[in-house]
Every structure is written in structure tokens, then in C-alpha cells.
Full PDB file with SEQRES, HELIX, SHEET, SSBOND, CRYST1, ORIGX, SCALE, CONECT and MASTER records, all heavy atoms in Angstrom:
SEQRES   1 A   36  VAL PRO ARG ARG THR PHE LYS ILE ILE TRP GLU ASN LEU          
SEQRES   2 A   36  VAL LYS CYS GLY GLU PHE GLU PRO SER ILE THR PRO ALA          
SEQRES   3 A   36  TYR ARG ILE ALA CYS ALA CYS ILE ALA ARG                      
HELIX    1 AA1 ARG A    3  CYS A   16  1                                  14    
HELIX    2 AA2 PRO A   25  ILE A   34  1                                  10    
CRYST1    1.000    1.000    1.000  90.00  90.00  90.00 P 1           1          
ORIGX1      1.000000  0.000000  0.000000        0.00000                         
ORIGX2      0.000000  1.000000  0.000000        0.00000                         
ORIGX3      0.000000  0.000000  1.000000        0.00000                         
SCALE1      1.000000  0.000000  0.000000        0.00000                         
SCALE2      0.000000  1.000000  0.000000        0.00000                         
SCALE3      0.000000  0.000000  1.000000        0.00000                         
ATOM      1  N   VAL A   1      65.431-205.270 134.782  1.00  0.00           N  
ATOM      2  CA  VAL A   1      65.760-206.155 133.681  1.00  0.00           C  
ATOM      3  C   VAL A   1      66.962-205.486 132.971  1.00  0.00           C  
ATOM      4  O   VAL A   1      66.822-204.396 132.438  1.00  0.00           O  
ATOM      5  CB  VAL A   1      64.608-206.326 132.703  1.00  0.00           C  
ATOM      6  CG1 VAL A   1      64.992-207.250 131.559  1.00  0.00           C  
ATOM      7  CG2 VAL A   1      63.369-206.867 133.422  1.00  0.00           C  
ATOM      8  N   PRO A   2      68.127-206.149 132.984  1.00  0.00           N  
ATOM      9  CA  PRO A   2      69.321-205.539 132.409  1.00  0.00           C  
ATOM     10  C   PRO A   2      69.179-205.247 130.924  1.00  0.00           C  
ATOM     11  O   PRO A   2      68.533-206.009 130.149  1.00  0.00           O  
ATOM     12  CB  PRO A   2      70.415-206.572 132.654  1.00  0.00           C  
ATOM     13  CG  PRO A   2      69.875-207.509 133.640  1.00  0.00           C  
ATOM     14  CD  PRO A   2      68.390-207.463 133.506  1.00  0.00           C  
ATOM     15  N   ARG A   3      69.799-204.162 130.493  1.00  0.00           N  
ATOM     16  CA  ARG A   3      69.812-203.808 129.075  1.00  0.00           C  
ATOM     17  C   ARG A   3      70.420-204.949 128.256  1.00  0.00           C  
ATOM     18  O   ARG A   3      70.001-205.182 127.117  1.00  0.00           O  
ATOM     19  CB  ARG A   3      70.615-202.535 128.877  1.00  0.00           C  
ATOM     20  CG  ARG A   3      70.688-202.072 127.454  1.00  0.00           C  
ATOM     21  CD  ARG A   3      71.441-200.768 127.343  1.00  0.00           C  
ATOM     22  NE  ARG A   3      71.760-200.505 125.961  1.00  0.00           N  
ATOM     23  CZ  ARG A   3      71.826-199.309 125.432  1.00  0.00           C  
ATOM     24  NH1 ARG A   3      71.564-198.244 126.151  1.00  0.00           N  
ATOM     25  NH2 ARG A   3      72.147-199.157 124.171  1.00  0.00           N  
ATOM     26  N   ARG A   4      71.381-205.651 128.810  1.00  0.00           N  
ATOM     27  CA  ARG A   4      72.004-206.762 128.061  1.00  0.00           C  
ATOM     28  C   ARG A   4      70.980-207.861 127.679  1.00  0.00           C  
ATOM     29  O   ARG A   4      71.155-208.542 126.681  1.00  0.00           O  
ATOM     30  CB  ARG A   4      73.211-207.335 128.785  1.00  0.00           C  
ATOM     31  CG  ARG A   4      72.905-208.179 129.979  1.00  0.00           C  
ATOM     32  CD  ARG A   4      74.169-208.751 130.622  1.00  0.00           C  
ATOM     33  NE  ARG A   4      73.840-209.443 131.864  1.00  0.00           N  
ATOM     34  CZ  ARG A   4      73.722-208.823 133.040  1.00  0.00           C  
ATOM     35  NH1 ARG A   4      73.948-207.533 133.135  1.00  0.00           N  
ATOM     36  NH2 ARG A   4      73.405-209.509 134.107  1.00  0.00           N  
ATOM     37  N   THR A   5      69.928-208.035 128.481  1.00  0.00           N  
ATOM     38  CA  THR A   5      68.870-208.987 128.127  1.00  0.00           C  
ATOM     39  C   THR A   5      68.229-208.579 126.832  1.00  0.00           C  
ATOM     40  O   THR A   5      68.023-209.392 125.934  1.00  0.00           O  
ATOM     41  CB  THR A   5      67.830-209.096 129.256  1.00  0.00           C  
ATOM     42  OG1 THR A   5      68.515-209.507 130.453  1.00  0.00           O  
ATOM     43  CG2 THR A   5      66.729-210.067 128.919  1.00  0.00           C  
ATOM     44  N   PHE A   6      67.902-207.309 126.711  1.00  0.00           N  
ATOM     45  CA  PHE A   6      67.280-206.783 125.476  1.00  0.00           C  
ATOM     46  C   PHE A   6      68.257-206.900 124.311  1.00  0.00           C  
ATOM     47  O   PHE A   6      67.878-207.213 123.204  1.00  0.00           O  
ATOM     48  CB  PHE A   6      66.879-205.316 125.678  1.00  0.00           C  
ATOM     49  CG  PHE A   6      65.750-205.140 126.648  1.00  0.00           C  
ATOM     50  CD1 PHE A   6      65.982-205.006 128.008  1.00  0.00           C  
ATOM     51  CD2 PHE A   6      64.443-205.079 126.201  1.00  0.00           C  
ATOM     52  CE1 PHE A   6      64.970-204.830 128.913  1.00  0.00           C  
ATOM     53  CE2 PHE A   6      63.394-204.887 127.095  1.00  0.00           C  
ATOM     54  CZ  PHE A   6      63.651-204.760 128.435  1.00  0.00           C  
ATOM     55  N   LYS A   7      69.534-206.631 124.577  1.00  0.00           N  
ATOM     56  CA  LYS A   7      70.564-206.710 123.542  1.00  0.00           C  
ATOM     57  C   LYS A   7      70.685-208.142 122.993  1.00  0.00           C  
ATOM     58  O   LYS A   7      70.780-208.332 121.780  1.00  0.00           O  
ATOM     59  CB  LYS A   7      71.920-206.248 124.110  1.00  0.00           C  
ATOM     60  CG  LYS A   7      73.019-206.250 123.091  1.00  0.00           C  
ATOM     61  CD  LYS A   7      74.302-205.735 123.649  1.00  0.00           C  
ATOM     62  CE  LYS A   7      75.391-205.738 122.579  1.00  0.00           C  
ATOM     63  NZ  LYS A   7      76.660-205.349 123.033  1.00  0.00           N  
ATOM     64  N   ILE A   8      70.677-209.123 123.873  1.00  0.00           N  
ATOM     65  CA  ILE A   8      70.755-210.516 123.455  1.00  0.00           C  
ATOM     66  C   ILE A   8      69.559-210.861 122.550  1.00  0.00           C  
ATOM     67  O   ILE A   8      69.723-211.468 121.477  1.00  0.00           O  
ATOM     68  CB  ILE A   8      70.794-211.470 124.673  1.00  0.00           C  
ATOM     69  CG1 ILE A   8      72.152-211.340 125.365  1.00  0.00           C  
ATOM     70  CG2 ILE A   8      70.533-212.922 124.268  1.00  0.00           C  
ATOM     71  CD1 ILE A   8      72.197-211.946 126.758  1.00  0.00           C  
ATOM     72  N   ILE A   9      68.382-210.455 122.967  1.00  0.00           N  
ATOM     73  CA  ILE A   9      67.182-210.738 122.151  1.00  0.00           C  
ATOM     74  C   ILE A   9      67.271-210.066 120.783  1.00  0.00           C  
ATOM     75  O   ILE A   9      67.069-210.697 119.772  1.00  0.00           O  
ATOM     76  CB  ILE A   9      65.901-210.291 122.908  1.00  0.00           C  
ATOM     77  CG1 ILE A   9      65.736-211.102 124.202  1.00  0.00           C  
ATOM     78  CG2 ILE A   9      64.677-210.399 121.996  1.00  0.00           C  
ATOM     79  CD1 ILE A   9      64.709-210.521 125.148  1.00  0.00           C  
ATOM     80  N   TRP A  10      67.594-208.773 120.785  1.00  0.00           N  
ATOM     81  CA  TRP A  10      67.645-208.020 119.538  1.00  0.00           C  
ATOM     82  C   TRP A  10      68.690-208.576 118.585  1.00  0.00           C  
ATOM     83  O   TRP A  10      68.429-208.770 117.397  1.00  0.00           O  
ATOM     84  CB  TRP A  10      67.856-206.519 119.786  1.00  0.00           C  
ATOM     85  CG  TRP A  10      67.792-205.747 118.528  1.00  0.00           C  
ATOM     86  CD1 TRP A  10      68.803-205.136 117.857  1.00  0.00           C  
ATOM     87  CD2 TRP A  10      66.623-205.554 117.728  1.00  0.00           C  
ATOM     88  NE1 TRP A  10      68.336-204.567 116.706  1.00  0.00           N  
ATOM     89  CE2 TRP A  10      67.012-204.787 116.599  1.00  0.00           C  
ATOM     90  CE3 TRP A  10      65.283-205.885 117.861  1.00  0.00           C  
ATOM     91  CZ2 TRP A  10      66.105-204.393 115.614  1.00  0.00           C  
ATOM     92  CZ3 TRP A  10      64.361-205.504 116.880  1.00  0.00           C  
ATOM     93  CH2 TRP A  10      64.795-204.768 115.794  1.00  0.00           C  
ATOM     94  N   GLU A  11      69.891-208.819 119.103  1.00  0.00           N  
ATOM     95  CA  GLU A  11      70.950-209.338 118.236  1.00  0.00           C  
ATOM     96  C   GLU A  11      70.617-210.699 117.635  1.00  0.00           C  
ATOM     97  O   GLU A  11      70.918-210.973 116.488  1.00  0.00           O  
ATOM     98  CB  GLU A  11      72.299-209.377 118.981  1.00  0.00           C  
ATOM     99  CG  GLU A  11      72.849-207.974 119.202  1.00  0.00           C  
ATOM    100  CD  GLU A  11      74.130-207.947 120.004  1.00  0.00           C  
ATOM    101  OE1 GLU A  11      74.531-209.006 120.594  1.00  0.00           O  
ATOM    102  OE2 GLU A  11      74.744-206.875 120.077  1.00  0.00           O  
ATOM    103  N   ASN A  12      69.950-211.553 118.419  1.00  0.00           N  
ATOM    104  CA  ASN A  12      69.494-212.836 117.881  1.00  0.00           C  
ATOM    105  C   ASN A  12      68.407-212.682 116.842  1.00  0.00           C  
ATOM    106  O   ASN A  12      68.403-213.392 115.831  1.00  0.00           O  
ATOM    107  CB  ASN A  12      69.027-213.762 119.027  1.00  0.00           C  
ATOM    108  CG  ASN A  12      70.161-214.509 119.660  1.00  0.00           C  
ATOM    109  OD1 ASN A  12      70.636-215.493 119.136  1.00  0.00           O  
ATOM    110  ND2 ASN A  12      70.628-213.995 120.782  1.00  0.00           N  
ATOM    111  N   LEU A  13      67.494-211.762 117.078  1.00  0.00           N  
ATOM    112  CA  LEU A  13      66.460-211.484 116.085  1.00  0.00           C  
ATOM    113  C   LEU A  13      67.074-211.023 114.755  1.00  0.00           C  
ATOM    114  O   LEU A  13      66.693-211.518 113.690  1.00  0.00           O  
ATOM    115  CB  LEU A  13      65.491-210.418 116.594  1.00  0.00           C  
ATOM    116  CG  LEU A  13      64.326-210.896 117.441  1.00  0.00           C  
ATOM    117  CD1 LEU A  13      63.579-209.707 118.033  1.00  0.00           C  
ATOM    118  CD2 LEU A  13      63.390-211.764 116.634  1.00  0.00           C  
ATOM    119  N   VAL A  14      67.995-210.097 114.839  1.00  0.00           N  
ATOM    120  CA  VAL A  14      68.628-209.548 113.613  1.00  0.00           C  
ATOM    121  C   VAL A  14      69.450-210.623 112.913  1.00  0.00           C  
ATOM    122  O   VAL A  14      69.386-210.761 111.689  1.00  0.00           O  
ATOM    123  CB  VAL A  14      69.480-208.315 113.973  1.00  0.00           C  
ATOM    124  CG1 VAL A  14      70.320-207.871 112.771  1.00  0.00           C  
ATOM    125  CG2 VAL A  14      68.597-207.162 114.435  1.00  0.00           C  
ATOM    126  N   LYS A  15      70.149-211.422 113.677  1.00  0.00           N  
ATOM    127  CA  LYS A  15      71.020-212.458 113.076  1.00  0.00           C  
ATOM    128  C   LYS A  15      70.236-213.633 112.503  1.00  0.00           C  
ATOM    129  O   LYS A  15      70.517-214.101 111.404  1.00  0.00           O  
ATOM    130  CB  LYS A  15      71.998-212.951 114.137  1.00  0.00           C  
ATOM    131  CG  LYS A  15      72.940-214.028 113.654  1.00  0.00           C  
ATOM    132  CD  LYS A  15      73.865-214.473 114.758  1.00  0.00           C  
ATOM    133  CE  LYS A  15      74.764-215.604 114.268  1.00  0.00           C  
ATOM    134  NZ  LYS A  15      75.586-216.131 115.370  1.00  0.00           N  
ATOM    135  N   CYS A  16      69.253-214.100 113.234  1.00  0.00           N  
ATOM    136  CA  CYS A  16      68.536-215.328 112.881  1.00  0.00           C  
ATOM    137  C   CYS A  16      67.129-215.130 112.347  1.00  0.00           C  
ATOM    138  O   CYS A  16      66.545-216.058 111.785  1.00  0.00           O  
ATOM    139  CB  CYS A  16      68.458-216.269 114.077  1.00  0.00           C  
ATOM    140  SG  CYS A  16      70.074-216.663 114.815  1.00  0.00           S  
ATOM    141  N   GLY A  17      66.560-213.942 112.542  1.00  0.00           N  
ATOM    142  CA  GLY A  17      65.195-213.675 112.107  1.00  0.00           C  
ATOM    143  C   GLY A  17      64.131-214.090 113.107  1.00  0.00           C  
ATOM    144  O   GLY A  17      62.983-213.767 112.948  1.00  0.00           O  
ATOM    145  N   GLU A  18      64.545-214.835 114.136  1.00  0.00           N  
ATOM    146  CA  GLU A  18      63.598-215.249 115.181  1.00  0.00           C  
ATOM    147  C   GLU A  18      64.352-215.488 116.468  1.00  0.00           C  
ATOM    148  O   GLU A  18      65.583-215.582 116.479  1.00  0.00           O  
ATOM    149  CB  GLU A  18      62.867-216.494 114.743  1.00  0.00           C  
ATOM    150  CG  GLU A  18      63.717-217.675 114.362  1.00  0.00           C  
ATOM    151  CD  GLU A  18      62.894-218.771 113.777  1.00  0.00           C  
ATOM    152  OE1 GLU A  18      62.585-218.694 112.567  1.00  0.00           O  
ATOM    153  OE2 GLU A  18      62.542-219.687 114.513  1.00  0.00           O  
ATOM    154  N   PHE A  19      63.602-215.598 117.558  1.00  0.00           N  
ATOM    155  CA  PHE A  19      64.189-215.804 118.863  1.00  0.00           C  
ATOM    156  C   PHE A  19      63.202-216.497 119.785  1.00  0.00           C  
ATOM    157  O   PHE A  19      62.037-216.111 119.858  1.00  0.00           O  
ATOM    158  CB  PHE A  19      64.624-214.464 119.473  1.00  0.00           C  
ATOM    159  CG  PHE A  19      65.237-214.586 120.827  1.00  0.00           C  
ATOM    160  CD1 PHE A  19      66.546-215.064 120.964  1.00  0.00           C  
ATOM    161  CD2 PHE A  19      64.549-214.240 121.968  1.00  0.00           C  
ATOM    162  CE1 PHE A  19      67.133-215.195 122.219  1.00  0.00           C  
ATOM    163  CE2 PHE A  19      65.146-214.342 123.235  1.00  0.00           C  
ATOM    164  CZ  PHE A  19      66.443-214.828 123.349  1.00  0.00           C  
ATOM    165  N   GLU A  20      63.647-217.554 120.456  1.00  0.00           N  
ATOM    166  CA  GLU A  20      62.863-218.211 121.507  1.00  0.00           C  
ATOM    167  C   GLU A  20      63.684-218.131 122.785  1.00  0.00           C  
ATOM    168  O   GLU A  20      64.760-218.735 122.875  1.00  0.00           O  
ATOM    169  CB  GLU A  20      62.550-219.639 121.149  1.00  0.00           C  
ATOM    170  CG  GLU A  20      61.677-220.300 122.152  1.00  0.00           C  
ATOM    171  CD  GLU A  20      61.292-221.722 121.778  1.00  0.00           C  
ATOM    172  OE1 GLU A  20      61.336-222.078 120.588  1.00  0.00           O  
ATOM    173  OE2 GLU A  20      60.974-222.474 122.696  1.00  0.00           O  
ATOM    174  N   PRO A  21      63.215-217.367 123.761  1.00  0.00           N  
ATOM    175  CA  PRO A  21      64.023-217.147 124.968  1.00  0.00           C  
ATOM    176  C   PRO A  21      63.926-218.271 125.962  1.00  0.00           C  
ATOM    177  O   PRO A  21      63.094-219.177 125.852  1.00  0.00           O  
ATOM    178  CB  PRO A  21      63.376-215.900 125.550  1.00  0.00           C  
ATOM    179  CG  PRO A  21      61.931-216.048 125.177  1.00  0.00           C  
ATOM    180  CD  PRO A  21      61.970-216.633 123.788  1.00  0.00           C  
ATOM    181  N   SER A  22      64.776-218.167 126.967  1.00  0.00           N  
ATOM    182  CA  SER A  22      64.662-219.047 128.139  1.00  0.00           C  
ATOM    183  C   SER A  22      63.372-218.664 128.865  1.00  0.00           C  
ATOM    184  O   SER A  22      62.730-217.662 128.509  1.00  0.00           O  
ATOM    185  CB  SER A  22      65.878-218.862 129.051  1.00  0.00           C  
ATOM    186  OG  SER A  22      65.836-217.603 129.665  1.00  0.00           O  
ATOM    187  N   ILE A  23      62.995-219.417 129.831  1.00  0.00           N  
ATOM    188  CA  ILE A  23      61.735-219.154 130.496  1.00  0.00           C  
ATOM    189  C   ILE A  23      61.828-218.230 131.692  1.00  0.00           C  
ATOM    190  O   ILE A  23      60.904-218.076 132.454  1.00  0.00           O  
ATOM    191  CB  ILE A  23      61.067-220.496 130.920  1.00  0.00           C  
ATOM    192  CG1 ILE A  23      61.957-221.265 131.870  1.00  0.00           C  
ATOM    193  CG2 ILE A  23      60.664-221.289 129.703  1.00  0.00           C  
ATOM    194  CD1 ILE A  23      61.307-222.473 132.517  1.00  0.00           C  
ATOM    195  N   THR A  24      62.969-217.567 131.854  1.00  0.00           N  
ATOM    196  CA  THR A  24      63.138-216.672 132.994  1.00  0.00           C  
ATOM    197  C   THR A  24      62.211-215.438 132.842  1.00  0.00           C  
ATOM    198  O   THR A  24      61.997-214.961 131.746  1.00  0.00           O  
ATOM    199  CB  THR A  24      64.575-216.203 133.160  1.00  0.00           C  
ATOM    200  OG1 THR A  24      64.953-215.508 131.965  1.00  0.00           O  
ATOM    201  CG2 THR A  24      65.527-217.382 133.379  1.00  0.00           C  
ATOM    202  N   PRO A  25      61.692-214.935 133.964  1.00  0.00           N  
ATOM    203  CA  PRO A  25      60.796-213.761 133.912  1.00  0.00           C  
ATOM    204  C   PRO A  25      61.425-212.552 133.197  1.00  0.00           C  
ATOM    205  O   PRO A  25      60.719-211.834 132.509  1.00  0.00           O  
ATOM    206  CB  PRO A  25      60.509-213.475 135.363  1.00  0.00           C  
ATOM    207  CG  PRO A  25      60.661-214.792 136.046  1.00  0.00           C  
ATOM    208  CD  PRO A  25      61.785-215.468 135.309  1.00  0.00           C  
ATOM    209  N   ALA A  26      62.716-212.328 133.340  1.00  0.00           N  
ATOM    210  CA  ALA A  26      63.347-211.182 132.690  1.00  0.00           C  
ATOM    211  C   ALA A  26      63.214-211.303 131.186  1.00  0.00           C  
ATOM    212  O   ALA A  26      62.948-210.287 130.493  1.00  0.00           O  
ATOM    213  CB  ALA A  26      64.823-211.075 133.072  1.00  0.00           C  
ATOM    214  N   TYR A  27      63.372-212.469 130.643  1.00  0.00           N  
ATOM    215  CA  TYR A  27      63.222-212.648 129.195  1.00  0.00           C  
ATOM    216  C   TYR A  27      61.787-212.518 128.764  1.00  0.00           C  
ATOM    217  O   TYR A  27      61.487-211.976 127.702  1.00  0.00           O  
ATOM    218  CB  TYR A  27      63.799-214.003 128.743  1.00  0.00           C  
ATOM    219  CG  TYR A  27      65.274-213.933 128.473  1.00  0.00           C  
ATOM    220  CD1 TYR A  27      66.176-214.346 129.441  1.00  0.00           C  
ATOM    221  CD2 TYR A  27      65.763-213.449 127.283  1.00  0.00           C  
ATOM    222  CE1 TYR A  27      67.539-214.270 129.207  1.00  0.00           C  
ATOM    223  CE2 TYR A  27      67.134-213.375 127.029  1.00  0.00           C  
ATOM    224  CZ  TYR A  27      67.990-213.787 127.994  1.00  0.00           C  
ATOM    225  OH  TYR A  27      69.358-213.706 127.751  1.00  0.00           O  
ATOM    226  N   ARG A  28      60.842-212.982 129.567  1.00  0.00           N  
ATOM    227  CA  ARG A  28      59.433-212.875 129.210  1.00  0.00           C  
ATOM    228  C   ARG A  28      59.014-211.415 129.043  1.00  0.00           C  
ATOM    229  O   ARG A  28      58.370-211.052 128.075  1.00  0.00           O  
ATOM    230  CB  ARG A  28      58.551-213.546 130.270  1.00  0.00           C  
ATOM    231  CG  ARG A  28      58.665-215.036 130.237  1.00  0.00           C  
ATOM    232  CD  ARG A  28      57.790-215.631 131.323  1.00  0.00           C  
ATOM    233  NE  ARG A  28      57.928-217.073 131.335  1.00  0.00           N  
ATOM    234  CZ  ARG A  28      57.679-217.813 132.406  1.00  0.00           C  
ATOM    235  NH1 ARG A  28      57.255-217.260 133.527  1.00  0.00           N  
ATOM    236  NH2 ARG A  28      57.830-219.118 132.356  1.00  0.00           N  
ATOM    237  N   ILE A  29      59.365-210.569 130.011  1.00  0.00           N  
ATOM    238  CA  ILE A  29      58.939-209.169 129.914  1.00  0.00           C  
ATOM    239  C   ILE A  29      59.774-208.448 128.849  1.00  0.00           C  
ATOM    240  O   ILE A  29      59.253-207.589 128.133  1.00  0.00           O  
ATOM    241  CB  ILE A  29      58.966-208.458 131.297  1.00  0.00           C  
ATOM    242  CG1 ILE A  29      58.319-207.066 131.168  1.00  0.00           C  
ATOM    243  CG2 ILE A  29      60.361-208.363 131.851  1.00  0.00           C  
ATOM    244  CD1 ILE A  29      56.900-207.020 130.682  1.00  0.00           C  
ATOM    245  N   ALA A  30      61.031-208.759 128.720  1.00  0.00           N  
ATOM    246  CA  ALA A  30      61.833-208.128 127.652  1.00  0.00           C  
ATOM    247  C   ALA A  30      61.278-208.462 126.283  1.00  0.00           C  
ATOM    248  O   ALA A  30      61.176-207.600 125.420  1.00  0.00           O  
ATOM    249  CB  ALA A  30      63.305-208.553 127.772  1.00  0.00           C  
ATOM    250  N   CYS A  31      60.891-209.714 126.063  1.00  0.00           N  
ATOM    251  CA  CYS A  31      60.281-210.116 124.783  1.00  0.00           C  
ATOM    252  C   CYS A  31      58.949-209.379 124.578  1.00  0.00           C  
ATOM    253  O   CYS A  31      58.635-208.961 123.468  1.00  0.00           O  
ATOM    254  CB  CYS A  31      60.062-211.617 124.725  1.00  0.00           C  
ATOM    255  SG  CYS A  31      61.587-212.567 124.442  1.00  0.00           S  
ATOM    256  N   ALA A  32      58.181-209.253 125.645  1.00  0.00           N  
ATOM    257  CA  ALA A  32      56.901-208.550 125.523  1.00  0.00           C  
ATOM    258  C   ALA A  32      57.123-207.090 125.079  1.00  0.00           C  
ATOM    259  O   ALA A  32      56.341-206.548 124.297  1.00  0.00           O  
ATOM    260  CB  ALA A  32      56.133-208.602 126.837  1.00  0.00           C  
ATOM    261  N   CYS A  33      58.165-206.447 125.617  1.00  0.00           N  
ATOM    262  CA  CYS A  33      58.473-205.082 125.210  1.00  0.00           C  
ATOM    263  C   CYS A  33      58.952-205.041 123.773  1.00  0.00           C  
ATOM    264  O   CYS A  33      58.494-204.196 122.984  1.00  0.00           O  
ATOM    265  CB  CYS A  33      59.532-204.506 126.155  1.00  0.00           C  
ATOM    266  SG  CYS A  33      58.928-204.185 127.849  1.00  0.00           S  
ATOM    267  N   ILE A  34      59.878-205.920 123.418  1.00  0.00           N  
ATOM    268  CA  ILE A  34      60.425-205.901 122.042  1.00  0.00           C  
ATOM    269  C   ILE A  34      59.343-206.227 121.025  1.00  0.00           C  
ATOM    270  O   ILE A  34      59.345-205.688 119.908  1.00  0.00           O  
ATOM    271  CB  ILE A  34      61.642-206.860 121.971  1.00  0.00           C  
ATOM    272  CG1 ILE A  34      62.828-206.197 122.679  1.00  0.00           C  
ATOM    273  CG2 ILE A  34      61.998-207.186 120.503  1.00  0.00           C  
ATOM    274  CD1 ILE A  34      64.072-207.030 122.736  1.00  0.00           C  
ATOM    275  N   ALA A  35      58.383-207.060 121.394  1.00  0.00           N  
ATOM    276  CA  ALA A  35      57.272-207.380 120.477  1.00  0.00           C  
ATOM    277  C   ALA A  35      56.421-206.142 120.148  1.00  0.00           C  
ATOM    278  O   ALA A  35      55.656-206.163 119.177  1.00  0.00           O  
ATOM    279  CB  ALA A  35      56.387-208.479 121.054  1.00  0.00           C  
ATOM    280  N   ARG A  36      56.564-205.088 120.907  1.00  0.00           N  
ATOM    281  CA  ARG A  36      55.829-203.865 120.656  1.00  0.00           C  
ATOM    282  C   ARG A  36      56.502-202.976 119.610  1.00  0.00           C  
ATOM    283  O   ARG A  36      55.970-201.943 119.250  1.00  0.00           O  
ATOM    284  CB  ARG A  36      55.570-203.129 121.962  1.00  0.00           C  
ATOM    285  CG  ARG A  36      54.414-203.763 122.690  1.00  0.00           C  
ATOM    286  CD  ARG A  36      54.421-203.661 124.164  1.00  0.00           C  
ATOM    287  NE  ARG A  36      53.202-204.226 124.740  1.00  0.00           N  
ATOM    288  CZ  ARG A  36      52.959-205.520 124.902  1.00  0.00           C  
ATOM    289  NH1 ARG A  36      53.861-206.417 124.535  1.00  0.00           N  
ATOM    290  NH2 ARG A  36      51.810-205.947 125.422  1.00  0.00           N  
TER     291      ARG A  36                                                      
MASTER        0    0    0    2    0    0    0    6  290    1    0    3          
END                                                                             
């Protein structure tokens, strides 16, 4: 799972306060990690 996937999630969280990813498996596991 590329670091840029995590970066996209984090930057959206910081900017918008929330994030709903696409349904791709890479985003699912990256979100699961960031939720920790």
C-alpha cells in the first residue's frame, strides 16, 4: 500500500475533518491503520 495513499487520507482528514475513501482495498486497510 503506497505511502501516498496514507498521505491522501491524512491530508483530507486535516483539511476537512473527515474522509470517506474509495472502495479499493488499499484505502480500506490504510483507513483501518489510520483509525488506530
